[in-house]
N, C-alpha and C. Protein backbone atom coordinates (compact mmCIF):
# COMPACT_ATOMS: atom_id res chain seq x y z
N UNK A 1 15.75 5.51 15.20
CA UNK A 1 14.71 5.88 14.25
C UNK A 1 15.28 5.78 12.84
N UNK A 2 14.50 5.28 11.92
CA UNK A 2 14.95 5.10 10.54
C UNK A 2 15.01 6.42 9.80
N UNK A 3 15.88 6.45 8.83
CA UNK A 3 15.92 7.62 7.97
C UNK A 3 14.74 7.57 7.02
N UNK A 4 14.35 8.70 6.43
CA UNK A 4 13.24 8.69 5.48
C UNK A 4 13.45 7.72 4.32
N UNK A 5 14.68 7.61 3.85
CA UNK A 5 14.97 6.70 2.74
C UNK A 5 14.76 5.25 3.18
N UNK A 6 15.24 4.91 4.37
CA UNK A 6 15.05 3.55 4.88
C UNK A 6 13.57 3.24 5.05
N UNK A 7 12.81 4.22 5.52
CA UNK A 7 11.37 4.03 5.70
C UNK A 7 10.67 3.81 4.36
N UNK A 8 11.05 4.56 3.35
CA UNK A 8 10.47 4.39 2.02
C UNK A 8 10.78 3.00 1.48
N UNK A 9 12.01 2.56 1.65
CA UNK A 9 12.40 1.23 1.19
C UNK A 9 11.59 0.17 1.93
N UNK A 10 11.42 0.34 3.23
CA UNK A 10 10.65 -0.60 4.03
C UNK A 10 9.19 -0.66 3.59
N UNK A 11 8.58 0.48 3.38
CA UNK A 11 7.18 0.53 2.93
C UNK A 11 7.05 -0.09 1.55
N UNK A 12 7.96 0.24 0.67
CA UNK A 12 7.91 -0.30 -0.69
C UNK A 12 8.01 -1.83 -0.66
N UNK A 13 8.88 -2.36 0.17
CA UNK A 13 9.03 -3.81 0.27
C UNK A 13 7.77 -4.45 0.84
N UNK A 14 7.18 -3.83 1.83
CA UNK A 14 5.95 -4.38 2.41
C UNK A 14 4.81 -4.36 1.39
N UNK A 15 4.70 -3.28 0.63
CA UNK A 15 3.66 -3.21 -0.40
C UNK A 15 3.90 -4.25 -1.50
N UNK A 16 5.16 -4.50 -1.83
CA UNK A 16 5.47 -5.55 -2.81
C UNK A 16 5.03 -6.91 -2.29
N UNK A 17 5.26 -7.16 -1.01
CA UNK A 17 4.84 -8.43 -0.40
C UNK A 17 3.32 -8.59 -0.45
N UNK A 18 2.62 -7.50 -0.17
CA UNK A 18 1.15 -7.53 -0.23
C UNK A 18 0.72 -7.84 -1.66
N UNK A 19 1.35 -7.18 -2.63
CA UNK A 19 0.99 -7.41 -4.04
C UNK A 19 1.30 -8.84 -4.46
N UNK A 20 2.46 -9.37 -4.04
CA UNK A 20 2.81 -10.76 -4.38
C UNK A 20 1.77 -11.73 -3.81
N UNK A 21 1.35 -11.48 -2.60
CA UNK A 21 0.34 -12.34 -1.98
C UNK A 21 -0.97 -12.28 -2.74
N UNK A 22 -1.36 -11.08 -3.15
CA UNK A 22 -2.59 -10.91 -3.92
C UNK A 22 -2.47 -11.61 -5.27
N UNK A 23 -1.34 -11.46 -5.93
CA UNK A 23 -1.13 -12.11 -7.23
C UNK A 23 -1.20 -13.63 -7.10
N UNK A 24 -0.61 -14.17 -6.05
CA UNK A 24 -0.64 -15.62 -5.82
C UNK A 24 -2.08 -16.09 -5.60
N UNK A 25 -2.83 -15.33 -4.83
CA UNK A 25 -4.23 -15.68 -4.59
C UNK A 25 -5.01 -15.69 -5.91
N UNK A 26 -4.83 -14.65 -6.71
CA UNK A 26 -5.56 -14.58 -7.99
C UNK A 26 -5.16 -15.72 -8.92
N UNK A 27 -3.88 -16.05 -8.94
CA UNK A 27 -3.40 -17.15 -9.79
C UNK A 27 -4.04 -18.48 -9.38
N UNK A 28 -4.05 -18.75 -8.10
CA UNK A 28 -4.66 -20.00 -7.61
C UNK A 28 -6.15 -20.02 -7.89
N UNK A 29 -6.78 -18.87 -7.74
CA UNK A 29 -8.21 -18.78 -7.98
C UNK A 29 -8.53 -19.06 -9.45
N UNK A 30 -7.72 -18.53 -10.35
CA UNK A 30 -7.93 -18.75 -11.78
C UNK A 30 -7.74 -20.22 -12.14
N UNK A 31 -6.83 -20.89 -11.49
CA UNK A 31 -6.57 -22.31 -11.77
C UNK A 31 -7.56 -23.20 -11.02
N UNK A 32 -8.47 -22.57 -10.30
CA UNK A 32 -9.47 -23.30 -9.51
C UNK A 32 -8.83 -24.18 -8.43
N UNK A 33 -7.65 -23.79 -8.03
CA UNK A 33 -6.99 -24.49 -6.93
C UNK A 33 -7.51 -23.91 -5.62
N UNK A 34 -7.25 -24.60 -4.58
CA UNK A 34 -7.61 -24.07 -3.27
C UNK A 34 -6.79 -22.81 -3.02
N UNK A 35 -7.48 -21.73 -2.87
CA UNK A 35 -6.79 -20.46 -2.69
C UNK A 35 -6.78 -20.03 -1.23
N UNK A 36 -7.23 -20.88 -0.35
CA UNK A 36 -7.35 -20.50 1.06
C UNK A 36 -6.01 -20.08 1.67
N UNK A 37 -4.95 -20.85 1.45
CA UNK A 37 -3.65 -20.50 2.02
C UNK A 37 -3.15 -19.17 1.47
N UNK A 38 -3.30 -18.98 0.16
CA UNK A 38 -2.87 -17.72 -0.46
C UNK A 38 -3.70 -16.56 0.07
N UNK A 39 -4.99 -16.79 0.26
CA UNK A 39 -5.86 -15.74 0.79
C UNK A 39 -5.45 -15.36 2.20
N UNK A 40 -5.17 -16.36 3.00
CA UNK A 40 -4.76 -16.10 4.39
C UNK A 40 -3.46 -15.32 4.41
N UNK A 41 -2.52 -15.69 3.56
CA UNK A 41 -1.24 -14.97 3.50
C UNK A 41 -1.45 -13.51 3.12
N UNK A 42 -2.31 -13.27 2.10
CA UNK A 42 -2.58 -11.89 1.70
C UNK A 42 -3.23 -11.13 2.84
N UNK A 43 -4.23 -11.72 3.47
CA UNK A 43 -4.94 -11.03 4.55
C UNK A 43 -3.98 -10.68 5.68
N UNK A 44 -3.10 -11.59 6.04
CA UNK A 44 -2.14 -11.32 7.11
C UNK A 44 -1.21 -10.17 6.75
N UNK A 45 -0.65 -10.22 5.55
CA UNK A 45 0.30 -9.17 5.15
C UNK A 45 -0.39 -7.83 4.97
N UNK A 46 -1.56 -7.85 4.35
CA UNK A 46 -2.29 -6.60 4.14
C UNK A 46 -2.72 -6.00 5.47
N UNK A 47 -3.15 -6.84 6.40
CA UNK A 47 -3.57 -6.35 7.71
C UNK A 47 -2.40 -5.71 8.46
N UNK A 48 -1.23 -6.33 8.36
CA UNK A 48 -0.05 -5.75 9.01
C UNK A 48 0.28 -4.37 8.44
N UNK A 49 0.23 -4.26 7.12
CA UNK A 49 0.55 -2.99 6.48
C UNK A 49 -0.49 -1.93 6.85
N UNK A 50 -1.77 -2.30 6.80
CA UNK A 50 -2.82 -1.34 7.18
C UNK A 50 -2.70 -0.94 8.65
N UNK A 51 -2.37 -1.89 9.50
CA UNK A 51 -2.19 -1.59 10.91
C UNK A 51 -1.06 -0.59 11.14
N UNK A 52 0.03 -0.80 10.45
CA UNK A 52 1.15 0.15 10.56
C UNK A 52 0.76 1.53 10.06
N UNK A 53 -0.03 1.57 8.99
CA UNK A 53 -0.47 2.85 8.44
C UNK A 53 -1.40 3.55 9.44
N UNK A 54 -2.30 2.80 10.07
CA UNK A 54 -3.22 3.39 11.05
C UNK A 54 -2.48 3.92 12.26
N UNK A 55 -1.40 3.26 12.65
CA UNK A 55 -0.59 3.72 13.79
C UNK A 55 0.40 4.80 13.37
N UNK A 56 0.32 5.18 12.10
CA UNK A 56 1.18 6.22 11.53
C UNK A 56 2.66 5.85 11.58
N UNK A 57 2.93 4.53 11.55
CA UNK A 57 4.31 4.07 11.47
C UNK A 57 4.81 4.16 10.04
N UNK A 58 3.89 4.05 9.10
CA UNK A 58 4.21 4.23 7.68
C UNK A 58 3.14 5.11 7.07
N UNK A 59 3.48 5.75 5.99
CA UNK A 59 2.52 6.61 5.30
C UNK A 59 2.08 5.95 4.01
N UNK A 60 0.77 5.75 3.88
CA UNK A 60 0.18 5.27 2.64
C UNK A 60 -0.80 6.32 2.17
N UNK A 61 -0.95 6.42 0.87
CA UNK A 61 -1.96 7.34 0.36
C UNK A 61 -3.34 6.75 0.65
N UNK A 62 -4.34 7.60 0.62
CA UNK A 62 -5.71 7.11 0.82
C UNK A 62 -6.06 6.09 -0.26
N UNK A 63 -5.57 6.31 -1.47
CA UNK A 63 -5.85 5.38 -2.56
C UNK A 63 -5.22 4.01 -2.28
N UNK A 64 -4.00 3.99 -1.78
CA UNK A 64 -3.35 2.72 -1.46
C UNK A 64 -4.14 1.97 -0.38
N UNK A 65 -4.54 2.70 0.66
CA UNK A 65 -5.32 2.07 1.73
C UNK A 65 -6.65 1.56 1.20
N UNK A 66 -7.32 2.34 0.36
CA UNK A 66 -8.61 1.95 -0.21
C UNK A 66 -8.46 0.68 -1.04
N UNK A 67 -7.42 0.63 -1.87
CA UNK A 67 -7.22 -0.54 -2.73
C UNK A 67 -6.95 -1.80 -1.91
N UNK A 68 -6.14 -1.67 -0.88
CA UNK A 68 -5.86 -2.83 -0.03
C UNK A 68 -7.14 -3.29 0.66
N UNK A 69 -7.91 -2.34 1.21
CA UNK A 69 -9.18 -2.71 1.87
C UNK A 69 -10.14 -3.37 0.90
N UNK A 70 -10.25 -2.81 -0.32
CA UNK A 70 -11.16 -3.40 -1.31
C UNK A 70 -10.76 -4.83 -1.65
N UNK A 71 -9.46 -5.07 -1.79
CA UNK A 71 -9.00 -6.43 -2.06
C UNK A 71 -9.28 -7.36 -0.88
N UNK A 72 -9.14 -6.85 0.33
CA UNK A 72 -9.48 -7.65 1.50
C UNK A 72 -10.95 -8.05 1.48
N UNK A 73 -11.82 -7.10 1.13
CA UNK A 73 -13.26 -7.40 1.07
C UNK A 73 -13.58 -8.42 -0.02
N UNK A 74 -12.94 -8.28 -1.17
CA UNK A 74 -13.18 -9.23 -2.27
C UNK A 74 -12.75 -10.64 -1.88
N UNK A 75 -11.59 -10.74 -1.26
CA UNK A 75 -11.10 -12.05 -0.85
C UNK A 75 -12.00 -12.64 0.22
N UNK A 76 -12.44 -11.81 1.15
CA UNK A 76 -13.34 -12.30 2.19
C UNK A 76 -14.62 -12.86 1.58
N UNK A 77 -15.22 -12.11 0.66
CA UNK A 77 -16.47 -12.59 0.06
C UNK A 77 -16.23 -13.86 -0.76
N UNK A 78 -15.07 -13.96 -1.40
CA UNK A 78 -14.73 -15.16 -2.16
C UNK A 78 -14.61 -16.36 -1.23
N UNK A 79 -13.96 -16.18 -0.09
CA UNK A 79 -13.82 -17.27 0.87
C UNK A 79 -15.18 -17.68 1.44
N UNK A 80 -16.04 -16.71 1.71
CA UNK A 80 -17.37 -17.02 2.23
C UNK A 80 -18.16 -17.82 1.20
N UNK A 81 -18.10 -17.42 -0.07
CA UNK A 81 -18.80 -18.16 -1.13
C UNK A 81 -18.28 -19.59 -1.23
N UNK A 82 -16.96 -19.75 -1.15
CA UNK A 82 -16.37 -21.09 -1.24
C UNK A 82 -16.78 -21.97 -0.06
N UNK A 83 -16.92 -21.37 1.10
CA UNK A 83 -17.32 -22.15 2.27
C UNK A 83 -18.79 -22.57 2.18
N UNK A 84 -19.60 -21.73 1.55
CA UNK A 84 -21.03 -22.03 1.42
C UNK A 84 -21.28 -23.05 0.31
N UNK A 85 -20.40 -23.06 -0.70
CA UNK A 85 -20.62 -23.92 -1.87
C UNK A 85 -20.03 -25.23 -1.75
């Protein structure tokens, strides 16, 4: 079992990865490039982090979970719009 410090480092790194994926998606979207790959990467990483939080393997604040979910919904609606257009 990990020490509390190791767990904090692990969670922090995972959240950084989620944020990097989101930033990459936003950057590609602003440049009007195909953001599908970046969106998929964000969704995968965010889903893993949320899954771990739901299984109580990591602790996230309700605000952190809400923000990740909101970003997932925004990206989903963006992808749906792109597929329709």
